[in-house]
Amino acid sequence: MNVVLAVKLYISKMIEDSGPGMKVLLMDKETTSIVSMVYAQSEILQKEVYLFERIDSKGREMMKHLKCICFLRPTSENVELLSAELRQPKYGLYFIYFSNVISKQDVKILAEADDQEVVREVQEFYGDYIAVSPHLFSFNIVGCAQGRSWNSESLKRTVQGLTSVLLSLKKCPMIRYQNSSEMARRLADNVRQVISKEAALFDFRKTDVPPILLLLDRRDDAVTPLMNQWTYQAMVHELLGINNNRISLANVPGISRDLQEVVLSSEHDEFYANNMYNNFGEIGNNIKDLMDEFQKKSESQAKVESIADMKAFVENYPQFKKMSGTVAKHVTVVGELSRLVGNHRLLEVSEVEQELICQNDHSQSLQKIKSLVSDDKVRQIDMVRLVMLYVLRYEKHSNNDITGLLDLLRRRGVNEKYSMLVHAVLDYGGQRARGSDLFGNMTPISITKKFFKGLKGIENIYSQHTPYISEILDQLLKGKLRESAYPYLGTSQLRDRPQDVVVFIIGGATYEESITIHNMNKNTPGVRVVLGGTNIHNINSFAEEITAASQGHGGARASRQSSHW
């Protein structure tokens, strides 16, 4: 179960099936992002695809000598644009691939538009999602809820995306869902309806143990997206923001023009692939090793004293140049992370977050929060995140001081849009909204157990917290996940240990949860888990998520994602 490979194979097959010759790849806004996540532009250029175009762009040139590979989502807008394209074709031949199921009526519309008979192929290739890493996918939707119900457009897109993931992985699953969530139940019903309607598509070879689709609601754990992160990928997303593998460094002091935007892709960057799950301390050491290696190669490149040296230099230059770019990129990114950590006292903020969530000392936590909220170095968003964690943790505590903390935020001049999040997060993920006992009543035994579960050497003070999904999956794999809390849809039930599991979080997943899944796959032989979410959150996108839900006006939208091309 590898979602990156699944999408990559579809794109390779599109290009191969169109045969030899020069080609243009015609996409829409979303499929551009889908393709760019799994293929570097340079890789596709090697497959005779020399031009990348958007179907909605005006004034494209007539190029009859090119074959056109269309990869589009099967939306009414795209069908309309493609019909207009086929009536006045700009390219010689068209090979059309939709990223999901397309209706017979829409195919008929396209056939009627193809007066000049330029279409050679129309197929469905189910790559209708953003493959973030082999075990992680997203639909880039922020704000999927209206109150505690689905925004209708978000539900439609999520059903399409989830069924596409299942088809691309060739899985027809048993469905379990979070019983306390109306959104999870409704999504389960909608996915099952598609599986029933498209039964022929889902007729895969039966396995001894059927796959499981587990549908969860972000409201059950609003804590995880509020925590600061200390592993490389998660930290970059939290502090800089990752948009379809791209990171903007435009605001970094003294940044050079060629480093204002960089790509971090585990598919195309070996250093990143090897370090994305490492903690910040390890990254610093590994960056130093990378620089030492680069300096040795630089010295050897400088010694061009003979014809043989010149030949070696020419042969090694592309690799040397690539390494130079890798070093510059990661030194810049890690340097900026380090600057932000120091300037905004993020170590101190994170330590208080961890103690607040994983231990049970109300008065001490309250005093530390007040101290940090009064500190001029701490960012407003971090002040508010501490208060949000406090209200989730101690909303029912007899001596809680939520009013006092809100007054302190006001006196500190915190932007009203931030302070409103304190009430919004209680509506979103407080005790009345949750189906879970997220904090396990925090008995001395549970505190000790949680502390040792998160103990990982010297960095344990910043990584005591483990996402709630870890506990859910642990129970699922042991066959102990309560059916009353996570019922099966339908009468069938799994008696064996699950092997293939697709977990989907309505309201968005996080990179901390992605690391949990990565470690589970690595350490649990015979089990393969893939994680998905409506979005991959950092503090800013999660703030938008809970704001949209609290307003209940259906303000869902695709998140601001830039594409590579």
Protein backbone atom coordinates (compact mmCIF):
# COMPACT_ATOMS: atom_id res chain seq x y z
CA MET A 1 0.00 0.00 0.00
CA ASN A 2 1.96 2.92 -1.37
CA VAL A 3 -0.08 5.94 -2.54
CA VAL A 4 2.89 7.72 -4.16
CA LEU A 5 3.68 4.63 -6.24
CA ALA A 6 0.00 4.16 -7.14
CA VAL A 7 -0.29 7.68 -8.60
CA LYS A 8 3.14 7.44 -10.23
CA LEU A 9 2.21 4.20 -12.03
CA TYR A 10 -0.95 5.82 -13.43
CA ILE A 11 1.00 8.77 -14.83
CA SER A 12 3.70 6.50 -16.30
CA LYS A 13 1.02 4.40 -17.99
CA MET A 14 -0.66 7.50 -19.47
CA ILE A 15 2.62 8.57 -21.04
CA GLU A 16 3.53 5.07 -22.28
CA ASP A 17 0.08 4.40 -23.77
CA SER A 18 0.31 7.53 -25.92
CA GLY A 19 3.31 6.00 -27.72
CA PRO A 20 6.54 7.63 -28.95
CA GLY A 21 6.77 11.25 -30.03
CA MET A 22 6.59 14.73 -28.53
CA LYS A 23 3.77 15.28 -26.06
CA VAL A 24 2.00 17.98 -24.07
CA LEU A 25 0.49 17.23 -20.65
CA LEU A 26 -2.81 19.12 -20.24
CA MET A 27 -4.07 19.35 -16.65
CA ASP A 28 -6.40 21.31 -14.38
CA LYS A 29 -5.39 23.11 -11.19
CA GLU A 30 -5.85 20.04 -8.96
CA THR A 31 -4.30 17.43 -11.23
CA THR A 32 -1.28 19.73 -11.67
CA SER A 33 -0.73 19.42 -7.91
CA ILE A 34 -1.40 15.66 -7.98
CA VAL A 35 1.24 15.09 -10.68
CA SER A 36 3.81 17.47 -9.25
CA MET A 37 3.79 15.66 -5.88
CA VAL A 38 5.07 12.40 -7.37
CA TYR A 39 7.08 13.45 -10.44
CA ALA A 40 9.76 16.10 -10.84
CA GLN A 41 9.39 18.09 -14.04
CA SER A 42 12.83 16.91 -15.15
CA GLU A 43 11.72 13.26 -14.84
CA ILE A 44 8.72 13.79 -17.09
CA LEU A 45 10.80 15.69 -19.63
CA GLN A 46 12.84 12.50 -20.06
CA LYS A 47 9.62 10.74 -21.19
CA GLU A 48 9.16 13.07 -24.22
CA VAL A 49 6.66 15.32 -22.43
CA TYR A 50 7.98 18.75 -23.40
CA LEU A 51 5.10 21.03 -22.51
CA PHE A 52 2.86 21.38 -19.45
CA GLU A 53 -0.38 23.31 -19.88
CA ARG A 54 -3.51 24.12 -17.90
CA ILE A 55 -6.84 23.47 -19.61
CA ASP A 56 -8.23 26.73 -18.19
CA SER A 57 -5.38 28.91 -19.47
CA LYS A 58 -6.18 31.33 -22.29
CA GLY A 59 -4.30 31.73 -25.54
CA ARG A 60 -2.57 28.36 -25.82
CA GLU A 61 -0.78 27.95 -29.15
CA MET A 62 -1.82 25.58 -31.93
CA MET A 63 0.72 22.71 -32.01
CA LYS A 64 -0.62 19.96 -34.25
CA HIS A 65 2.71 18.09 -34.17
CA LEU A 66 2.20 17.31 -30.46
CA LYS A 67 0.17 14.53 -28.91
CA CYS A 68 -1.92 15.71 -25.95
CA ILE A 69 -2.22 13.68 -22.74
CA CYS A 70 -5.15 15.11 -20.76
CA PHE A 71 -5.26 14.34 -17.02
CA LEU A 72 -8.31 15.98 -15.52
CA ARG A 73 -10.75 15.68 -12.64
CA PRO A 74 -14.20 14.64 -13.99
CA THR A 75 -15.91 17.93 -13.07
CA SER A 76 -18.65 19.57 -15.15
CA GLU A 77 -16.33 22.56 -15.68
CA ASN A 78 -13.57 20.33 -17.08
CA VAL A 79 -16.01 18.45 -19.34
CA GLU A 80 -17.16 21.81 -20.72
CA LEU A 81 -13.59 23.07 -21.26
CA LEU A 82 -12.52 19.78 -22.86
CA SER A 83 -15.56 19.77 -25.17
CA ALA A 84 -14.61 23.26 -26.38
CA GLU A 85 -11.00 22.04 -26.85
CA LEU A 86 -12.11 19.06 -28.98
CA ARG A 87 -14.30 21.23 -31.23
CA GLN A 88 -11.20 23.28 -32.08
CA PRO A 89 -8.28 20.98 -31.27
CA LYS A 90 -4.88 22.60 -30.72
CA TYR A 91 -2.95 19.30 -30.82
CA GLY A 92 -2.74 16.36 -33.19
CA LEU A 93 -4.15 13.53 -31.06
CA TYR A 94 -5.79 13.39 -27.61
CA PHE A 95 -5.38 10.71 -24.94
CA ILE A 96 -7.88 11.55 -22.18
CA TYR A 97 -7.58 10.28 -18.61
CA PHE A 98 -9.95 11.24 -15.81
CA SER A 99 -8.78 11.00 -12.21
CA ASN A 100 -12.07 9.43 -11.11
CA VAL A 101 -15.30 7.88 -12.33
CA ILE A 102 -16.94 9.87 -15.15
CA SER A 103 -20.60 9.52 -16.08
CA LYS A 104 -21.73 8.00 -19.37
CA GLN A 105 -23.56 11.25 -20.11
CA ASP A 106 -20.31 13.24 -19.86
CA VAL A 107 -18.51 10.75 -22.12
CA LYS A 108 -21.33 11.19 -24.64
CA ILE A 109 -20.90 15.00 -24.51
CA LEU A 110 -17.17 14.59 -25.28
CA ALA A 111 -17.84 12.11 -28.09
CA GLU A 112 -20.28 14.54 -29.74
CA ALA A 113 -17.68 17.34 -29.48
CA ASP A 114 -15.00 15.21 -31.19
CA ASP A 115 -16.05 16.11 -34.76
CA GLN A 116 -12.47 15.87 -36.03
CA GLU A 117 -11.91 12.43 -34.44
CA VAL A 118 -8.73 13.40 -32.63
CA VAL A 119 -9.49 11.39 -29.46
CA ARG A 120 -7.63 8.07 -29.31
CA GLU A 121 -8.29 7.09 -25.69
CA VAL A 122 -10.69 7.88 -22.81
CA GLN A 123 -9.95 6.14 -19.53
CA GLU A 124 -10.40 6.47 -15.78
CA PHE A 125 -7.14 6.43 -13.77
CA TYR A 126 -7.94 6.81 -10.08
CA GLY A 127 -5.28 9.27 -8.91
CA ASP A 128 -7.72 11.77 -7.43
CA TYR A 129 -5.75 12.75 -4.32
CA ILE A 130 -2.53 14.38 -3.13
CA ALA A 131 0.02 11.63 -2.36
CA VAL A 132 2.15 13.32 0.29
CA SER A 133 4.34 10.30 1.12
CA PRO A 134 3.97 6.53 0.58
CA HIS A 135 1.67 6.19 3.62
CA LEU A 136 0.04 9.66 3.65
CA PHE A 137 -2.54 11.40 1.44
CA SER A 138 -4.64 14.56 1.55
CA PHE A 139 -7.34 16.41 -0.38
CA ASN A 140 -6.11 19.93 0.55
CA ILE A 141 -9.51 20.92 1.99
CA VAL A 142 -9.56 23.36 4.91
CA GLY A 143 -12.88 23.89 6.70
CA CYS A 144 -14.92 20.80 5.79
CA ALA A 145 -17.63 21.28 8.45
CA GLN A 146 -20.71 23.46 8.90
CA GLY A 147 -21.15 23.28 12.65
CA ARG A 148 -20.97 19.52 13.23
CA SER A 149 -22.21 18.56 9.78
CA TRP A 150 -20.52 18.30 6.42
CA ASN A 151 -20.19 21.16 4.02
CA SER A 152 -21.84 19.52 0.99
CA GLU A 153 -19.02 20.29 -1.48
CA SER A 154 -16.40 18.97 0.96
CA LEU A 155 -18.37 15.75 1.48
CA LYS A 156 -18.65 15.20 -2.27
CA ARG A 157 -14.92 15.81 -2.82
CA THR A 158 -13.96 13.60 0.13
CA VAL A 159 -16.10 10.69 -1.09
CA GLN A 160 -14.56 11.01 -4.56
CA GLY A 161 -11.05 11.17 -3.13
CA LEU A 162 -11.48 8.27 -0.71
CA THR A 163 -13.00 5.95 -3.30
CA SER A 164 -10.16 6.92 -5.64
CA VAL A 165 -7.59 5.97 -2.97
CA LEU A 166 -9.30 2.59 -2.50
CA LEU A 167 -9.44 1.94 -6.25
CA SER A 168 -5.80 2.94 -6.79
CA LEU A 169 -4.72 0.60 -3.96
CA LYS A 170 -7.12 -2.10 -5.26
CA LYS A 171 -8.97 -2.43 -1.94
CA CYS A 172 -12.66 -3.12 -1.31
CA PRO A 173 -12.75 -2.62 2.46
CA MET A 174 -14.96 -3.30 5.42
CA ILE A 175 -15.84 0.10 6.86
CA ARG A 176 -15.65 1.14 10.51
CA TYR A 177 -16.45 4.65 11.70
CA GLN A 178 -16.42 6.75 14.83
CA ASN A 179 -19.91 6.34 16.29
CA SER A 180 -19.88 9.67 18.14
CA SER A 181 -19.41 11.56 14.85
CA GLU A 182 -22.34 12.20 12.54
CA MET A 183 -19.82 13.30 9.89
CA ALA A 184 -18.01 9.94 10.09
CA ARG A 185 -21.28 7.99 9.82
CA ARG A 186 -22.40 10.02 6.83
CA LEU A 187 -19.06 9.63 5.06
CA ALA A 188 -19.19 5.86 5.70
CA ASP A 189 -22.68 5.68 4.15
CA ASN A 190 -21.63 7.69 1.10
CA VAL A 191 -18.48 5.63 0.47
CA ARG A 192 -20.49 2.41 0.75
CA GLN A 193 -23.04 3.73 -1.75
CA VAL A 194 -20.28 4.38 -4.31
CA ILE A 195 -18.78 0.91 -3.71
CA SER A 196 -22.24 -0.65 -4.27
CA LYS A 197 -22.96 1.46 -7.36
CA GLU A 198 -19.53 0.76 -8.89
CA ALA A 199 -19.37 -2.88 -7.76
CA ALA A 200 -17.60 -3.96 -10.97
CA LEU A 201 -14.73 -1.52 -10.30
CA PHE A 202 -14.33 -2.79 -6.73
CA ASP A 203 -14.35 -6.46 -7.74
CA PHE A 204 -10.78 -7.19 -6.66
CA ARG A 205 -9.28 -10.57 -5.84
CA LYS A 206 -10.43 -11.56 -2.36
CA THR A 207 -7.78 -11.70 0.37
CA ASP A 208 -7.84 -13.94 3.44
CA VAL A 209 -8.22 -10.89 5.69
CA PRO A 210 -10.33 -8.08 4.20
CA PRO A 211 -8.90 -4.53 4.32
CA ILE A 212 -10.35 -2.01 6.78
CA LEU A 213 -11.34 1.61 6.15
CA LEU A 214 -11.46 3.40 9.52
CA LEU A 215 -13.13 6.83 9.55
CA LEU A 216 -12.26 9.18 12.42
CA ASP A 217 -13.21 12.76 13.37
CA ARG A 218 -10.57 15.41 14.19
CA ARG A 219 -12.82 16.64 17.03
CA ASP A 220 -11.89 13.55 19.03
CA ASP A 221 -8.31 14.84 19.28
CA ALA A 222 -8.05 18.59 18.87
CA VAL A 223 -4.84 18.51 20.94
CA THR A 224 -2.42 17.00 18.42
CA PRO A 225 -2.71 19.81 15.80
CA LEU A 226 -2.10 22.41 18.53
CA MET A 227 1.28 21.02 19.65
CA ASN A 228 4.66 22.36 18.50
CA GLN A 229 6.68 19.78 16.58
CA TRP A 230 10.34 18.67 16.82
CA THR A 231 10.90 16.32 13.88
CA TYR A 232 12.19 17.80 10.63
CA GLN A 233 9.19 17.50 8.27
CA ALA A 234 6.63 18.33 10.99
CA MET A 235 8.71 21.26 12.25
CA VAL A 236 9.11 22.73 8.75
CA HIS A 237 5.34 22.55 8.24
CA GLU A 238 4.62 24.05 11.67
CA LEU A 239 7.01 27.01 11.37
CA LEU A 240 7.35 27.62 7.62
CA GLY A 241 4.41 25.78 6.01
CA ILE A 242 4.67 23.02 3.39
CA ASN A 243 2.39 23.55 0.37
CA ASN A 244 2.54 20.57 -2.00
CA ASN A 245 6.20 19.97 -1.04
CA ARG A 246 7.11 23.65 -1.52
CA ILE A 247 8.40 25.93 1.25
CA SER A 248 8.53 29.71 1.00
CA LEU A 249 11.68 31.24 2.51
CA ALA A 250 10.94 34.71 1.11
CA ASN A 251 10.71 36.20 4.62
CA VAL A 252 14.07 34.81 5.77
CA PRO A 253 16.47 37.70 6.51
CA GLY A 254 19.11 38.09 3.78
CA ILE A 255 17.80 35.20 1.65
CA SER A 256 19.19 34.91 -1.90
CA ARG A 257 16.77 34.99 -4.81
CA ASP A 258 17.31 31.35 -5.82
CA LEU A 259 16.43 30.12 -2.30
CA GLN A 260 13.24 32.14 -1.80
CA GLU A 261 11.20 29.02 -2.55
CA VAL A 262 12.54 25.48 -2.19
CA VAL A 263 11.16 21.97 -2.70
CA LEU A 264 11.36 19.33 0.03
CA SER A 265 10.43 15.99 -1.52
CA SER A 266 11.37 12.60 -0.11
CA GLU A 267 11.07 11.23 -3.65
CA HIS A 268 13.78 13.49 -5.07
CA ASP A 269 15.93 14.55 -2.09
CA GLU A 270 17.93 11.79 -0.42
CA PHE A 271 18.95 13.88 2.60
CA TYR A 272 15.34 14.85 3.27
CA ALA A 273 14.13 11.25 2.82
CA ASN A 274 16.70 10.06 5.38
CA ASN A 275 16.03 12.85 7.89
CA MET A 276 12.36 13.86 7.66
CA TYR A 277 11.40 11.85 10.75
CA ASN A 278 14.52 12.70 12.79
CA ASN A 279 14.35 15.13 15.69
CA PHE A 280 15.83 18.61 15.48
CA GLY A 281 19.00 17.77 17.42
CA GLU A 282 19.85 14.93 15.02
CA ILE A 283 19.21 17.15 11.99
CA GLY A 284 21.87 19.62 13.17
CA ASN A 285 24.48 16.86 13.39
CA ASN A 286 23.49 15.37 10.04
CA ILE A 287 23.62 18.79 8.32
CA LYS A 288 27.17 19.18 9.63
CA ASP A 289 28.12 15.74 8.24
CA LEU A 290 26.57 16.70 4.88
CA MET A 291 28.59 19.94 4.79
CA ASP A 292 31.82 18.12 5.69
CA GLU A 293 31.24 15.65 2.85
CA PHE A 294 30.49 18.52 0.45
CA GLN A 295 33.67 20.38 1.44
CA LYS A 296 35.78 17.27 0.75
CA LYS A 297 34.21 16.97 -2.71
CA SER A 298 34.73 20.71 -3.30
CA GLU A 299 38.44 20.32 -2.56
CA SER A 300 38.76 17.35 -4.90
CA GLN A 301 36.89 19.26 -7.64
CA ALA A 302 39.38 22.13 -7.30
CA LYS A 303 42.37 19.87 -8.12
CA VAL A 304 42.03 19.80 -11.90
CA GLU A 305 45.64 19.18 -12.92
CA SER A 306 45.44 16.69 -15.77
CA ILE A 307 43.24 15.51 -18.63
CA ALA A 308 42.03 12.66 -16.38
CA ASP A 309 41.14 15.19 -13.66
CA MET A 310 39.21 17.26 -16.19
CA LYS A 311 37.34 14.18 -17.39
CA ALA A 312 36.47 13.20 -13.81
CA PHE A 313 35.33 16.76 -13.08
CA VAL A 314 32.98 16.84 -16.10
CA GLU A 315 31.54 13.42 -15.21
CA ASN A 316 30.96 14.31 -11.55
CA TYR A 317 29.86 17.92 -12.04
CA PRO A 318 26.06 17.28 -12.24
CA GLN A 319 26.19 15.24 -9.01
CA PHE A 320 28.40 17.89 -7.39
CA LYS A 321 26.04 20.68 -8.44
CA LYS A 322 23.05 18.73 -7.11
CA MET A 323 24.81 18.19 -3.80
CA SER A 324 25.67 21.89 -3.66
CA GLY A 325 21.96 22.74 -4.04
CA THR A 326 20.98 20.20 -1.39
CA VAL A 327 23.49 21.59 1.11
CA ALA A 328 22.45 25.22 0.49
CA LYS A 329 18.76 24.36 0.79
CA HIS A 330 18.92 22.36 4.02
CA VAL A 331 21.43 24.68 5.72
CA THR A 332 19.07 27.58 4.95
CA VAL A 333 15.93 25.75 6.14
CA VAL A 334 17.52 24.44 9.35
CA GLY A 335 19.11 27.83 10.00
CA GLU A 336 15.72 29.54 9.75
CA LEU A 337 14.09 26.93 12.01
CA SER A 338 16.84 27.51 14.55
CA ARG A 339 16.38 31.30 14.35
CA LEU A 340 12.63 31.03 14.93
CA VAL A 341 13.06 28.60 17.83
CA GLY A 342 15.49 30.96 19.57
CA ASN A 343 13.72 34.22 18.80
CA HIS A 344 10.29 33.05 19.96
CA ARG A 345 11.25 30.83 22.92
CA LEU A 346 9.69 27.79 21.27
CA LEU A 347 11.59 25.30 23.45
CA GLU A 348 10.04 26.84 26.56
CA VAL A 349 6.60 27.01 24.91
CA SER A 350 6.82 23.36 23.84
CA GLU A 351 7.95 22.18 27.26
CA VAL A 352 4.89 23.79 28.89
CA GLU A 353 2.62 22.27 26.18
CA GLN A 354 3.96 18.78 26.91
CA GLU A 355 3.63 19.15 30.69
CA LEU A 356 0.14 20.57 30.30
CA ILE A 357 -1.14 17.66 28.20
CA CYS A 358 0.85 14.75 29.64
CA GLN A 359 1.00 15.61 33.34
CA ASN A 360 -1.48 16.71 35.97
CA ASP A 361 -0.29 19.81 37.81
CA HIS A 362 -2.93 22.46 37.20
CA SER A 363 -1.49 25.30 39.27
CA GLN A 364 2.06 24.89 37.97
CA SER A 365 0.89 24.73 34.35
CA LEU A 366 -1.29 27.81 34.83
CA GLN A 367 1.60 29.85 36.26
CA LYS A 368 3.94 28.82 33.42
CA ILE A 369 1.32 29.73 30.79
CA LYS A 370 0.79 33.16 32.37
CA SER A 371 4.54 33.72 32.43
CA LEU A 372 4.92 32.88 28.72
CA VAL A 373 1.86 34.92 27.70
CA SER A 374 3.54 37.90 29.42
CA ASP A 375 6.81 37.36 27.51
CA ASP A 376 7.38 39.78 24.61
CA LYS A 377 9.40 37.17 22.67
CA VAL A 378 6.51 34.68 22.48
CA ARG A 379 4.40 34.98 19.32
CA GLN A 380 0.67 35.71 19.61
CA ILE A 381 -0.24 32.40 17.96
CA ASP A 382 1.84 30.54 20.57
CA MET A 383 0.24 32.44 23.45
CA VAL A 384 -3.17 31.47 22.11
CA ARG A 385 -2.22 27.85 21.42
CA LEU A 386 -1.13 27.49 25.09
CA VAL A 387 -4.47 28.88 26.27
CA MET A 388 -6.37 26.63 23.82
CA LEU A 389 -4.54 23.57 25.16
CA TYR A 390 -5.28 24.72 28.71
CA VAL A 391 -9.04 25.04 28.11
CA LEU A 392 -9.19 21.60 26.46
CA ARG A 393 -7.23 20.06 29.32
CA TYR A 394 -8.90 21.80 32.24
CA GLU A 395 -12.36 22.88 31.00
CA LYS A 396 -14.05 20.98 33.85
CA HIS A 397 -11.42 21.73 36.53
CA SER A 398 -13.00 23.40 39.58
CA ASN A 399 -10.27 26.07 39.77
CA ASN A 400 -9.70 26.71 36.07
CA ASP A 401 -8.86 30.30 35.15
CA ILE A 402 -10.06 30.50 31.56
CA THR A 403 -11.50 33.99 32.15
CA GLY A 404 -8.22 35.21 33.65
CA LEU A 405 -6.21 33.88 30.70
CA LEU A 406 -8.57 35.52 28.20
CA ASP A 407 -8.22 38.81 30.08
CA LEU A 408 -4.44 38.43 29.97
CA LEU A 409 -4.55 37.85 26.18
CA ARG A 410 -6.62 41.01 25.78
CA ARG A 411 -4.23 43.04 27.93
CA ARG A 412 -1.32 41.74 25.82
CA GLY A 413 -3.08 43.14 22.74
CA VAL A 414 -3.56 39.72 21.12
CA ASN A 415 -5.46 39.96 17.84
CA GLU A 416 -9.18 39.27 18.37
CA LYS A 417 -9.22 36.63 15.61
CA TYR A 418 -6.75 34.64 17.74
CA SER A 419 -8.49 35.08 21.10
CA MET A 420 -11.81 33.98 19.54
CA LEU A 421 -10.16 30.61 18.89
CA VAL A 422 -10.23 29.84 22.63
CA HIS A 423 -14.03 29.56 22.66
CA ALA A 424 -14.09 28.04 19.17
CA VAL A 425 -11.77 25.18 20.16
CA LEU A 426 -14.05 24.23 23.07
CA ASP A 427 -17.03 24.03 20.70
CA TYR A 428 -14.92 22.08 18.24
CA GLY A 429 -13.07 19.61 20.45
CA GLY A 430 -14.20 20.05 24.07
CA GLN A 431 -15.70 17.25 26.16
CA ARG A 432 -19.21 17.66 24.72
CA ALA A 433 -17.88 17.42 21.17
CA ARG A 434 -15.64 14.40 21.75
CA GLY A 435 -16.54 10.75 21.82
CA SER A 436 -13.23 9.96 23.52
CA ASP A 437 -11.85 10.35 27.01
CA LEU A 438 -8.85 12.09 25.49
CA PHE A 439 -6.98 12.66 28.73
CA GLY A 440 -7.83 9.31 30.34
CA ASN A 441 -8.92 11.09 33.54
CA MET A 442 -5.19 11.60 34.18
CA THR A 443 -4.87 9.21 37.10
CA PRO A 444 -1.30 8.81 38.48
CA ILE A 445 -1.09 5.43 36.68
CA SER A 446 -2.18 6.85 33.30
CA ILE A 447 0.25 9.79 33.65
CA THR A 448 3.15 7.43 34.35
CA LYS A 449 2.11 5.14 31.50
CA LYS A 450 1.81 8.07 29.08
CA PHE A 451 5.14 9.51 30.18
CA PHE A 452 7.06 6.28 29.66
CA LYS A 453 5.27 5.61 26.39
CA GLY A 454 6.75 8.87 25.09
CA LEU A 455 10.20 8.42 26.62
CA LYS A 456 12.78 8.58 23.82
CA GLY A 457 16.07 9.58 25.39
CA ILE A 458 17.21 13.16 25.81
CA GLU A 459 14.48 14.72 23.70
CA ASN A 460 11.68 13.10 25.73
CA ILE A 461 10.73 16.37 27.42
CA TYR A 462 9.46 17.60 24.02
CA SER A 463 7.90 14.33 22.86
CA GLN A 464 5.92 12.93 25.78
CA HIS A 465 2.69 13.43 23.85
CA THR A 466 1.47 10.63 21.60
CA PRO A 467 -1.49 11.25 19.25
CA TYR A 468 -4.77 9.59 20.20
CA ILE A 469 -4.76 7.76 16.86
CA SER A 470 -1.88 5.66 18.21
CA GLU A 471 -4.15 4.23 20.92
CA ILE A 472 -7.02 3.63 18.47
CA LEU A 473 -4.82 1.72 16.01
CA ASP A 474 -3.18 -0.26 18.81
CA GLN A 475 -6.65 -1.41 19.92
CA LEU A 476 -7.71 -2.12 16.31
CA LEU A 477 -4.69 -4.31 15.60
CA LYS A 478 -5.20 -6.22 18.86
CA GLY A 479 -8.87 -6.80 17.99
CA LYS A 480 -9.94 -4.77 21.04
CA LEU A 481 -11.40 -1.66 19.40
CA ARG A 482 -14.89 -1.39 20.88
CA GLU A 483 -17.66 -1.96 18.34
CA SER A 484 -20.00 0.30 20.27
CA ALA A 485 -17.55 3.21 19.76
CA TYR A 486 -16.34 2.20 16.25
CA PRO A 487 -19.07 0.07 14.66
CA TYR A 488 -18.87 -1.75 11.35
CA LEU A 489 -21.06 -0.50 8.54
CA GLY A 490 -23.25 -3.47 7.63
CA THR A 491 -23.48 -6.93 9.17
CA SER A 492 -20.00 -8.27 8.36
CA GLN A 493 -17.31 -8.14 11.04
CA LEU A 494 -13.61 -8.92 10.97
CA ARG A 495 -12.54 -11.80 13.20
CA ASP A 496 -8.85 -11.84 12.22
CA ARG A 497 -6.14 -9.31 12.90
CA PRO A 498 -6.32 -6.53 10.27
CA GLN A 499 -3.47 -6.41 7.77
CA ASP A 500 -4.30 -3.55 5.39
CA VAL A 501 -5.82 -0.47 7.04
CA VAL A 502 -6.73 2.91 5.52
CA VAL A 503 -7.33 5.47 8.27
CA PHE A 504 -9.00 8.74 7.33
CA ILE A 505 -9.37 11.77 9.62
CA ILE A 506 -12.26 14.11 8.82
CA GLY A 507 -11.04 17.62 9.65
CA GLY A 508 -7.41 16.90 8.78
CA ALA A 509 -4.39 14.84 9.82
CA THR A 510 -0.96 16.01 11.08
CA TYR A 511 2.65 15.10 10.43
CA GLU A 512 2.92 13.91 14.04
CA GLU A 513 0.25 11.31 13.23
CA SER A 514 2.08 10.50 9.99
CA ILE A 515 5.20 9.64 12.02
CA THR A 516 3.05 7.38 14.23
CA ILE A 517 1.88 5.49 11.13
CA HIS A 518 5.42 5.36 9.69
CA ASN A 519 6.74 3.80 12.91
CA MET A 520 3.80 1.40 13.13
CA ASN A 521 4.43 0.15 9.58
CA LYS A 522 8.14 -0.22 10.33
CA ASN A 523 7.69 -2.05 13.63
CA THR A 524 4.62 -4.23 12.99
CA PRO A 525 5.35 -7.05 10.51
CA GLY A 526 2.41 -8.05 8.33
CA VAL A 527 0.52 -4.78 8.91
CA ARG A 528 0.27 -1.96 6.35
CA VAL A 529 -1.44 1.28 7.33
CA VAL A 530 -2.12 4.33 5.16
CA LEU A 531 -3.25 7.64 6.70
CA GLY A 532 -5.32 10.32 5.02
CA GLY A 533 -6.99 13.56 5.97
CA THR A 534 -9.08 16.30 4.42
CA ASN A 535 -5.90 18.37 4.97
CA ILE A 536 -2.46 18.11 6.60
CA HIS A 537 -2.55 20.69 9.39
CA ASN A 538 -0.20 23.08 11.07
CA ILE A 539 -1.41 25.56 13.69
CA ASN A 540 -2.53 28.11 11.07
CA SER A 541 -4.64 25.77 8.94
CA PHE A 542 -6.12 24.12 12.06
CA ALA A 543 -7.13 27.57 13.33
CA GLU A 544 -8.97 28.06 10.02
CA GLU A 545 -10.57 24.61 10.38
CA ILE A 546 -12.09 25.29 13.79
CA THR A 547 -13.08 28.87 12.84
CA ALA A 548 -14.98 27.62 9.78
CA ALA A 549 -16.72 24.93 11.87
CA SER A 550 -17.69 27.41 14.59
CA GLN A 551 -19.14 29.85 12.06
CA GLY A 552 -21.16 27.04 10.52
CA HIS A 553 -21.56 28.86 7.24
CA GLY A 554 -19.92 26.29 5.02
CA GLY A 555 -16.75 28.22 4.40
CA ALA A 556 -14.91 25.20 3.06
CA ARG A 557 -12.31 25.79 0.42
CA ALA A 558 -9.30 24.21 -1.09
CA SER A 559 -6.31 25.26 0.99
CA ARG A 560 -3.81 27.68 -0.54
CA GLN A 561 -1.53 25.21 -2.24
CA SER A 562 1.01 26.19 -4.86
CA SER A 563 1.97 23.67 -7.51
CA HIS A 564 5.47 22.90 -8.74
CA TRP A 565 4.84 23.82 -12.34
